[in-house]
Amino acid sequence: MIGTNVAVAGCALVLAVAVGLVAHEWAHAAVLRLARVEYTVSYFPGRSEGVVSLLTSRPWAAVHPRPSGREPAWALRLAALAPALLAIPVFWLAAAGYVTAETPVVAAAAIGWLACALPSPQDFSVAFHARRLLERSRDPNAAALSRAD
């Protein structure tokens, strides 16, 4: 009985992380769409190796904003931090008493989903340096942005 609970909880964790990673990127895209900022979404970008590399080495999805430079900086900041809103349903379920130690499958799924609700270091970089990103997008002679910018 315990082995079955652990296996099902592990599967729930993996499934929650897989769905949560895509939802994380969709959260960025939803805010960019509402703010009327152009963007592209790519799934499994830069993949050419095997299955293990497909799942572990690079992002599963990526949203790339293409601002014209006329957008407000707050729109990019809000889009960068939007995945944090994914934590709201989990906190609601926990407050309602559905996420407990007696429900390990639900708890594992909640942990996986919350992990995806955390903004990434690149998200924080965009949030803190949105104005610089907009200034570079206004200048046609500016150097291309690296992932570190």
N, C-alpha and C. Protein backbone atom coordinates (compact mmCIF):
# COMPACT_ATOMS: atom_id res chain seq x y z
N MET A 1 0.81 -1.19 0.00
CA MET A 1 0.00 0.00 0.00
C MET A 1 0.86 1.26 0.00
N ILE A 2 1.91 1.28 0.83
CA ILE A 2 2.77 2.45 0.89
C ILE A 2 3.51 2.63 -0.43
N GLY A 3 3.97 1.54 -1.03
CA GLY A 3 4.68 1.63 -2.30
C GLY A 3 3.82 2.21 -3.40
N THR A 4 2.55 1.85 -3.41
CA THR A 4 1.63 2.39 -4.41
C THR A 4 1.43 3.88 -4.22
N ASN A 5 1.26 4.33 -2.97
CA ASN A 5 1.10 5.75 -2.70
C ASN A 5 2.31 6.55 -3.14
N VAL A 6 3.50 6.01 -2.89
CA VAL A 6 4.73 6.69 -3.28
C VAL A 6 4.83 6.78 -4.81
N ALA A 7 4.50 5.70 -5.50
CA ALA A 7 4.57 5.70 -6.96
C ALA A 7 3.56 6.67 -7.56
N VAL A 8 2.35 6.67 -7.06
CA VAL A 8 1.32 7.58 -7.58
C VAL A 8 1.69 9.02 -7.24
N ALA A 9 2.20 9.27 -6.05
CA ALA A 9 2.62 10.63 -5.67
C ALA A 9 3.77 11.10 -6.56
N GLY A 10 4.70 10.21 -6.87
CA GLY A 10 5.81 10.56 -7.76
C GLY A 10 5.31 10.91 -9.15
N CYS A 11 4.36 10.14 -9.65
CA CYS A 11 3.78 10.44 -10.96
C CYS A 11 3.03 11.77 -10.94
N ALA A 12 2.32 12.04 -9.85
CA ALA A 12 1.60 13.31 -9.72
C ALA A 12 2.57 14.48 -9.68
N LEU A 13 3.70 14.29 -9.01
CA LEU A 13 4.72 15.33 -8.96
C LEU A 13 5.27 15.62 -10.35
N VAL A 14 5.62 14.57 -11.08
CA VAL A 14 6.17 14.74 -12.43
C VAL A 14 5.15 15.40 -13.35
N LEU A 15 3.91 14.97 -13.28
CA LEU A 15 2.87 15.55 -14.12
C LEU A 15 2.62 17.01 -13.78
N ALA A 16 2.60 17.34 -12.49
CA ALA A 16 2.39 18.73 -12.07
C ALA A 16 3.52 19.62 -12.54
N VAL A 17 4.75 19.13 -12.49
CA VAL A 17 5.89 19.92 -12.96
C VAL A 17 5.81 20.11 -14.48
N ALA A 18 5.47 19.07 -15.20
CA ALA A 18 5.38 19.18 -16.67
C ALA A 18 4.31 20.19 -17.08
N VAL A 19 3.14 20.08 -16.49
CA VAL A 19 2.06 21.02 -16.82
C VAL A 19 2.40 22.41 -16.28
N GLY A 20 3.00 22.47 -15.10
CA GLY A 20 3.35 23.75 -14.50
C GLY A 20 4.39 24.53 -15.28
N LEU A 21 5.34 23.83 -15.89
CA LEU A 21 6.34 24.54 -16.71
C LEU A 21 5.71 25.23 -17.90
N VAL A 22 4.78 24.57 -18.53
CA VAL A 22 4.09 25.19 -19.66
C VAL A 22 3.18 26.32 -19.17
N ALA A 23 2.48 26.10 -18.04
CA ALA A 23 1.63 27.15 -17.48
C ALA A 23 2.44 28.37 -17.08
N HIS A 24 3.66 28.16 -16.61
CA HIS A 24 4.57 29.26 -16.26
C HIS A 24 4.79 30.17 -17.47
N GLU A 25 5.09 29.56 -18.60
CA GLU A 25 5.34 30.35 -19.81
C GLU A 25 4.04 30.97 -20.34
N TRP A 26 2.93 30.25 -20.22
CA TRP A 26 1.65 30.82 -20.64
C TRP A 26 1.27 32.03 -19.79
N ALA A 27 1.67 32.03 -18.52
CA ALA A 27 1.40 33.19 -17.67
C ALA A 27 2.13 34.42 -18.20
N HIS A 28 3.38 34.23 -18.61
CA HIS A 28 4.11 35.34 -19.24
C HIS A 28 3.36 35.82 -20.49
N ALA A 29 2.99 34.87 -21.34
CA ALA A 29 2.34 35.20 -22.60
C ALA A 29 1.00 35.89 -22.39
N ALA A 30 0.24 35.47 -21.40
CA ALA A 30 -1.07 36.08 -21.16
C ALA A 30 -0.95 37.55 -20.80
N VAL A 31 0.01 37.87 -19.95
CA VAL A 31 0.19 39.28 -19.56
C VAL A 31 0.72 40.08 -20.74
N LEU A 32 1.63 39.52 -21.51
CA LEU A 32 2.13 40.24 -22.68
C LEU A 32 1.01 40.50 -23.68
N ARG A 33 0.14 39.52 -23.87
CA ARG A 33 -0.99 39.70 -24.79
C ARG A 33 -1.92 40.80 -24.29
N LEU A 34 -2.23 40.78 -22.98
CA LEU A 34 -3.11 41.81 -22.42
C LEU A 34 -2.49 43.21 -22.53
N ALA A 35 -1.16 43.28 -22.44
CA ALA A 35 -0.46 44.56 -22.54
C ALA A 35 -0.16 44.93 -23.99
N ARG A 36 -0.55 44.09 -24.93
CA ARG A 36 -0.34 44.30 -26.37
C ARG A 36 1.15 44.43 -26.73
N VAL A 37 1.95 43.57 -26.11
CA VAL A 37 3.37 43.48 -26.43
C VAL A 37 3.54 42.26 -27.32
N GLU A 38 4.23 42.41 -28.43
CA GLU A 38 4.48 41.29 -29.33
C GLU A 38 5.40 40.28 -28.66
N TYR A 39 5.17 39.00 -28.93
CA TYR A 39 5.98 37.94 -28.34
C TYR A 39 5.89 36.70 -29.21
N THR A 40 6.83 35.80 -29.00
CA THR A 40 6.77 34.48 -29.63
C THR A 40 6.92 33.43 -28.53
N VAL A 41 6.28 32.30 -28.75
CA VAL A 41 6.39 31.18 -27.83
C VAL A 41 7.02 30.03 -28.59
N SER A 42 8.04 29.43 -28.01
CA SER A 42 8.65 28.26 -28.64
C SER A 42 8.64 27.11 -27.64
N TYR A 43 8.31 25.94 -28.13
CA TYR A 43 8.27 24.74 -27.29
C TYR A 43 9.49 23.89 -27.61
N PHE A 44 10.16 23.41 -26.58
CA PHE A 44 11.38 22.61 -26.69
C PHE A 44 12.41 23.30 -27.59
N PRO A 45 12.79 24.54 -27.25
CA PRO A 45 13.74 25.27 -28.11
C PRO A 45 15.13 24.66 -28.09
N GLY A 46 15.77 24.60 -29.23
CA GLY A 46 17.15 24.16 -29.35
C GLY A 46 17.38 22.71 -29.02
N ARG A 47 16.43 21.84 -29.32
CA ARG A 47 16.58 20.42 -28.99
C ARG A 47 17.04 19.64 -30.21
N SER A 48 18.13 18.90 -30.03
CA SER A 48 18.57 18.03 -31.10
C SER A 48 19.09 16.70 -30.58
N GLU A 49 19.27 16.61 -29.25
CA GLU A 49 19.81 15.39 -28.68
C GLU A 49 18.69 14.42 -28.31
N GLY A 50 18.99 13.44 -27.50
CA GLY A 50 18.05 12.39 -27.14
C GLY A 50 17.00 12.81 -26.13
N VAL A 51 16.27 11.82 -25.65
CA VAL A 51 15.13 12.05 -24.75
C VAL A 51 15.58 12.63 -23.41
N VAL A 52 16.66 12.15 -22.84
CA VAL A 52 17.13 12.65 -21.55
C VAL A 52 17.52 14.12 -21.67
N SER A 53 18.22 14.47 -22.72
CA SER A 53 18.58 15.86 -22.95
C SER A 53 17.34 16.70 -23.19
N LEU A 54 16.37 16.13 -23.85
CA LEU A 54 15.11 16.83 -24.12
C LEU A 54 14.44 17.25 -22.82
N LEU A 55 14.49 16.40 -21.81
CA LEU A 55 13.77 16.65 -20.57
C LEU A 55 14.55 17.42 -19.53
N THR A 56 15.89 17.41 -19.59
CA THR A 56 16.66 17.95 -18.48
C THR A 56 17.54 19.15 -18.79
N SER A 57 18.00 19.32 -20.00
CA SER A 57 19.07 20.29 -20.23
C SER A 57 18.62 21.69 -20.56
N ARG A 58 17.45 21.86 -21.11
CA ARG A 58 17.01 23.18 -21.55
C ARG A 58 15.54 23.38 -21.20
N PRO A 59 15.05 24.62 -21.36
CA PRO A 59 13.64 24.86 -21.02
C PRO A 59 12.70 24.10 -21.95
N TRP A 60 11.53 23.77 -21.45
CA TRP A 60 10.53 23.06 -22.25
C TRP A 60 9.76 24.03 -23.12
N ALA A 61 9.65 25.26 -22.67
CA ALA A 61 8.96 26.30 -23.43
C ALA A 61 9.62 27.62 -23.09
N ALA A 62 9.53 28.57 -24.00
CA ALA A 62 10.12 29.89 -23.76
C ALA A 62 9.28 30.95 -24.44
N VAL A 63 9.09 32.05 -23.74
CA VAL A 63 8.38 33.20 -24.30
C VAL A 63 9.42 34.29 -24.53
N HIS A 64 9.44 34.81 -25.73
CA HIS A 64 10.40 35.86 -26.09
C HIS A 64 9.63 37.12 -26.46
N PRO A 65 9.62 38.13 -25.56
CA PRO A 65 8.93 39.37 -25.91
C PRO A 65 9.71 40.14 -26.98
N ARG A 66 8.97 40.81 -27.84
CA ARG A 66 9.57 41.65 -28.87
C ARG A 66 9.00 43.06 -28.74
N PRO A 67 9.43 43.78 -27.70
CA PRO A 67 8.86 45.12 -27.49
C PRO A 67 9.33 46.09 -28.56
N SER A 68 8.47 47.04 -28.88
CA SER A 68 8.82 48.06 -29.86
C SER A 68 9.56 49.21 -29.19
N GLY A 69 9.50 49.28 -27.88
CA GLY A 69 10.16 50.36 -27.15
C GLY A 69 9.17 51.39 -26.67
N ARG A 70 7.94 51.33 -27.15
CA ARG A 70 6.91 52.29 -26.74
C ARG A 70 6.04 51.75 -25.60
N GLU A 71 6.24 50.50 -25.22
CA GLU A 71 5.46 49.90 -24.16
C GLU A 71 5.93 50.41 -22.81
N PRO A 72 5.04 50.42 -21.82
CA PRO A 72 5.48 50.82 -20.48
C PRO A 72 6.32 49.71 -19.84
N ALA A 73 7.28 50.10 -19.05
CA ALA A 73 8.16 49.13 -18.39
C ALA A 73 7.37 48.24 -17.43
N TRP A 74 6.32 48.77 -16.83
CA TRP A 74 5.54 47.97 -15.88
C TRP A 74 4.91 46.76 -16.55
N ALA A 75 4.60 46.85 -17.85
CA ALA A 75 4.00 45.71 -18.55
C ALA A 75 4.99 44.55 -18.62
N LEU A 76 6.25 44.84 -18.92
CA LEU A 76 7.27 43.79 -18.96
C LEU A 76 7.54 43.25 -17.56
N ARG A 77 7.56 44.15 -16.57
CA ARG A 77 7.79 43.70 -15.20
C ARG A 77 6.67 42.78 -14.72
N LEU A 78 5.44 43.16 -15.00
CA LEU A 78 4.29 42.35 -14.60
C LEU A 78 4.30 41.00 -15.32
N ALA A 79 4.64 41.01 -16.60
CA ALA A 79 4.71 39.75 -17.35
C ALA A 79 5.81 38.85 -16.81
N ALA A 80 6.92 39.44 -16.40
CA ALA A 80 8.03 38.64 -15.88
C ALA A 80 7.68 37.96 -14.56
N LEU A 81 6.88 38.62 -13.74
CA LEU A 81 6.55 38.08 -12.42
C LEU A 81 5.18 37.39 -12.39
N ALA A 82 4.48 37.33 -13.50
CA ALA A 82 3.14 36.74 -13.56
C ALA A 82 3.07 35.28 -13.11
N PRO A 83 4.08 34.45 -13.35
CA PRO A 83 3.98 33.06 -12.90
C PRO A 83 3.76 32.90 -11.39
N ALA A 84 4.11 33.90 -10.60
CA ALA A 84 3.89 33.81 -9.16
C ALA A 84 2.39 33.66 -8.85
N LEU A 85 1.54 34.13 -9.74
CA LEU A 85 0.10 33.99 -9.54
C LEU A 85 -0.37 32.55 -9.62
N LEU A 86 0.45 31.67 -10.19
CA LEU A 86 0.10 30.25 -10.24
C LEU A 86 0.02 29.62 -8.85
N ALA A 87 0.59 30.28 -7.86
CA ALA A 87 0.56 29.75 -6.50
C ALA A 87 -0.80 29.95 -5.82
N ILE A 88 -1.61 30.85 -6.31
CA ILE A 88 -2.88 31.17 -5.66
C ILE A 88 -3.80 29.95 -5.53
N PRO A 89 -4.02 29.15 -6.59
CA PRO A 89 -4.90 27.99 -6.41
C PRO A 89 -4.38 26.98 -5.38
N VAL A 90 -3.08 26.82 -5.32
CA VAL A 90 -2.51 25.87 -4.35
C VAL A 90 -2.72 26.38 -2.93
N PHE A 91 -2.50 27.68 -2.73
CA PHE A 91 -2.73 28.24 -1.40
C PHE A 91 -4.21 28.14 -1.02
N TRP A 92 -5.09 28.32 -1.98
CA TRP A 92 -6.52 28.19 -1.72
C TRP A 92 -6.86 26.76 -1.32
N LEU A 93 -6.32 25.78 -2.06
CA LEU A 93 -6.57 24.37 -1.72
C LEU A 93 -6.00 24.02 -0.34
N ALA A 94 -4.84 24.56 -0.02
CA ALA A 94 -4.24 24.29 1.29
C ALA A 94 -5.08 24.92 2.40
N ALA A 95 -5.57 26.13 2.18
CA ALA A 95 -6.41 26.78 3.18
C ALA A 95 -7.73 26.05 3.38
N ALA A 96 -8.22 25.43 2.31
CA ALA A 96 -9.47 24.68 2.39
C ALA A 96 -9.27 23.30 2.99
N GLY A 97 -8.02 22.91 3.24
CA GLY A 97 -7.74 21.64 3.90
C GLY A 97 -7.54 20.46 2.97
N TYR A 98 -7.35 20.71 1.68
CA TYR A 98 -7.17 19.61 0.72
C TYR A 98 -5.72 19.14 0.61
N VAL A 99 -4.78 19.98 0.97
CA VAL A 99 -3.36 19.62 0.87
C VAL A 99 -2.87 19.30 2.29
N THR A 100 -2.82 18.01 2.58
CA THR A 100 -2.41 17.57 3.92
C THR A 100 -1.46 16.40 3.80
N ALA A 101 -0.91 16.01 4.92
CA ALA A 101 -0.02 14.84 4.94
C ALA A 101 -0.80 13.55 4.69
N GLU A 102 -2.10 13.58 4.93
CA GLU A 102 -2.92 12.40 4.68
C GLU A 102 -3.24 12.21 3.20
N THR A 103 -2.97 13.23 2.39
CA THR A 103 -3.21 13.14 0.94
C THR A 103 -1.89 13.37 0.21
N PRO A 104 -1.02 12.37 0.21
CA PRO A 104 0.31 12.56 -0.37
C PRO A 104 0.30 12.85 -1.87
N VAL A 105 -0.67 12.33 -2.59
CA VAL A 105 -0.73 12.58 -4.04
C VAL A 105 -1.04 14.05 -4.29
N VAL A 106 -2.00 14.59 -3.57
CA VAL A 106 -2.35 16.01 -3.71
C VAL A 106 -1.19 16.88 -3.25
N ALA A 107 -0.55 16.50 -2.16
CA ALA A 107 0.59 17.27 -1.66
C ALA A 107 1.74 17.27 -2.66
N ALA A 108 2.01 16.13 -3.28
CA ALA A 108 3.09 16.06 -4.28
C ALA A 108 2.77 16.92 -5.49
N ALA A 109 1.52 16.87 -5.94
CA ALA A 109 1.12 17.71 -7.08
C ALA A 109 1.22 19.18 -6.71
N ALA A 110 0.84 19.53 -5.49
CA ALA A 110 0.93 20.92 -5.05
C ALA A 110 2.38 21.40 -5.00
N ILE A 111 3.27 20.55 -4.53
CA ILE A 111 4.69 20.91 -4.47
C ILE A 111 5.25 21.12 -5.87
N GLY A 112 4.91 20.24 -6.80
CA GLY A 112 5.38 20.39 -8.18
C GLY A 112 4.85 21.65 -8.82
N TRP A 113 3.57 21.94 -8.58
CA TRP A 113 2.97 23.15 -9.16
C TRP A 113 3.59 24.41 -8.56
N LEU A 114 3.80 24.41 -7.23
CA LEU A 114 4.42 25.57 -6.59
C LEU A 114 5.84 25.81 -7.08
N ALA A 115 6.56 24.74 -7.39
CA ALA A 115 7.91 24.90 -7.92
C ALA A 115 7.89 25.65 -9.25
N CYS A 116 6.86 25.44 -10.03
CA CYS A 116 6.74 26.12 -11.32
C CYS A 116 6.21 27.54 -11.18
N ALA A 117 5.65 27.86 -10.03
CA ALA A 117 5.13 29.21 -9.80
C ALA A 117 6.24 30.20 -9.47
N LEU A 118 7.41 29.69 -9.13
CA LEU A 118 8.53 30.59 -8.81
C LEU A 118 9.06 31.25 -10.08
N PRO A 119 9.18 32.56 -10.10
CA PRO A 119 9.82 33.20 -11.25
C PRO A 119 11.30 32.78 -11.34
N SER A 120 11.78 32.61 -12.56
CA SER A 120 13.16 32.18 -12.77
C SER A 120 14.11 33.36 -12.61
N PRO A 121 15.41 33.12 -12.52
CA PRO A 121 16.37 34.22 -12.47
C PRO A 121 16.26 35.14 -13.69
N GLN A 122 15.98 34.58 -14.87
CA GLN A 122 15.79 35.43 -16.05
C GLN A 122 14.55 36.31 -15.89
N ASP A 123 13.51 35.77 -15.25
CA ASP A 123 12.31 36.57 -15.01
C ASP A 123 12.62 37.75 -14.10
N PHE A 124 13.38 37.52 -13.04
CA PHE A 124 13.75 38.61 -12.15
C PHE A 124 14.64 39.62 -12.87
N SER A 125 15.51 39.14 -13.75
CA SER A 125 16.35 40.05 -14.52
C SER A 125 15.51 40.98 -15.38
N VAL A 126 14.51 40.43 -16.04
CA VAL A 126 13.61 41.27 -16.85
C VAL A 126 12.86 42.24 -15.95
N ALA A 127 12.39 41.78 -14.81
CA ALA A 127 11.64 42.65 -13.90
C ALA A 127 12.49 43.83 -13.42
N PHE A 128 13.75 43.58 -13.11
CA PHE A 128 14.60 44.65 -12.61
C PHE A 128 15.18 45.53 -13.71
N HIS A 129 15.33 45.00 -14.92
CA HIS A 129 15.97 45.75 -16.00
C HIS A 129 15.05 45.97 -17.19
N ALA A 130 13.76 46.09 -16.95
CA ALA A 130 12.79 46.27 -18.05
C ALA A 130 13.05 47.55 -18.83
N ARG A 131 13.40 48.61 -18.13
CA ARG A 131 13.64 49.88 -18.81
C ARG A 131 14.82 49.77 -19.78
N ARG A 132 15.87 49.05 -19.38
CA ARG A 132 17.04 48.87 -20.26
C ARG A 132 16.65 48.05 -21.50
N LEU A 133 15.82 47.03 -21.30
CA LEU A 133 15.34 46.23 -22.42
C LEU A 133 14.55 47.09 -23.40
N LEU A 134 13.70 47.97 -22.88
CA LEU A 134 12.93 48.86 -23.75
C LEU A 134 13.82 49.86 -24.48
N GLU A 135 14.83 50.38 -23.79
CA GLU A 135 15.75 51.32 -24.44
C GLU A 135 16.51 50.66 -25.57
N ARG A 136 16.93 49.42 -25.37
CA ARG A 136 17.64 48.69 -26.42
C ARG A 136 16.73 48.38 -27.60
N SER A 137 15.46 48.13 -27.32
CA SER A 137 14.54 47.81 -28.43
C SER A 137 14.22 49.05 -29.25
N ARG A 138 14.37 50.25 -28.68
CA ARG A 138 14.15 51.50 -29.44
C ARG A 138 15.31 51.79 -30.37
N ASP A 139 16.52 51.37 -29.99
CA ASP A 139 17.72 51.68 -30.76
C ASP A 139 17.99 50.56 -31.76
N PRO A 140 17.86 50.83 -33.07
CA PRO A 140 18.10 49.78 -34.06
C PRO A 140 19.56 49.35 -34.15
N ASN A 141 20.49 50.16 -33.65
CA ASN A 141 21.91 49.84 -33.73
C ASN A 141 22.42 49.15 -32.46
N ALA A 142 21.52 48.89 -31.51
CA ALA A 142 21.95 48.27 -30.25
C ALA A 142 22.37 46.83 -30.49
N ALA A 143 23.30 46.39 -29.67
CA ALA A 143 23.76 44.99 -29.76
C ALA A 143 22.62 44.07 -29.32
N ALA A 144 22.65 42.88 -29.85
CA ALA A 144 21.62 41.89 -29.49
C ALA A 144 21.75 41.52 -28.02
N LEU A 145 20.60 41.31 -27.37
CA LEU A 145 20.59 40.93 -25.96
C LEU A 145 21.00 39.48 -25.80
N SER A 146 21.78 39.24 -24.76
CA SER A 146 22.13 37.86 -24.44
C SER A 146 21.13 37.35 -23.41
N ARG A 147 21.18 36.05 -23.09
CA ARG A 147 20.29 35.50 -22.07
C ARG A 147 20.59 36.11 -20.71
N ALA A 148 21.82 36.59 -20.50
CA ALA A 148 22.18 37.17 -19.22
C ALA A 148 21.57 38.55 -19.03
N ASP A 149 21.22 39.22 -20.10
CA ASP A 149 20.61 40.56 -20.00
C ASP A 149 19.15 40.40 -19.68
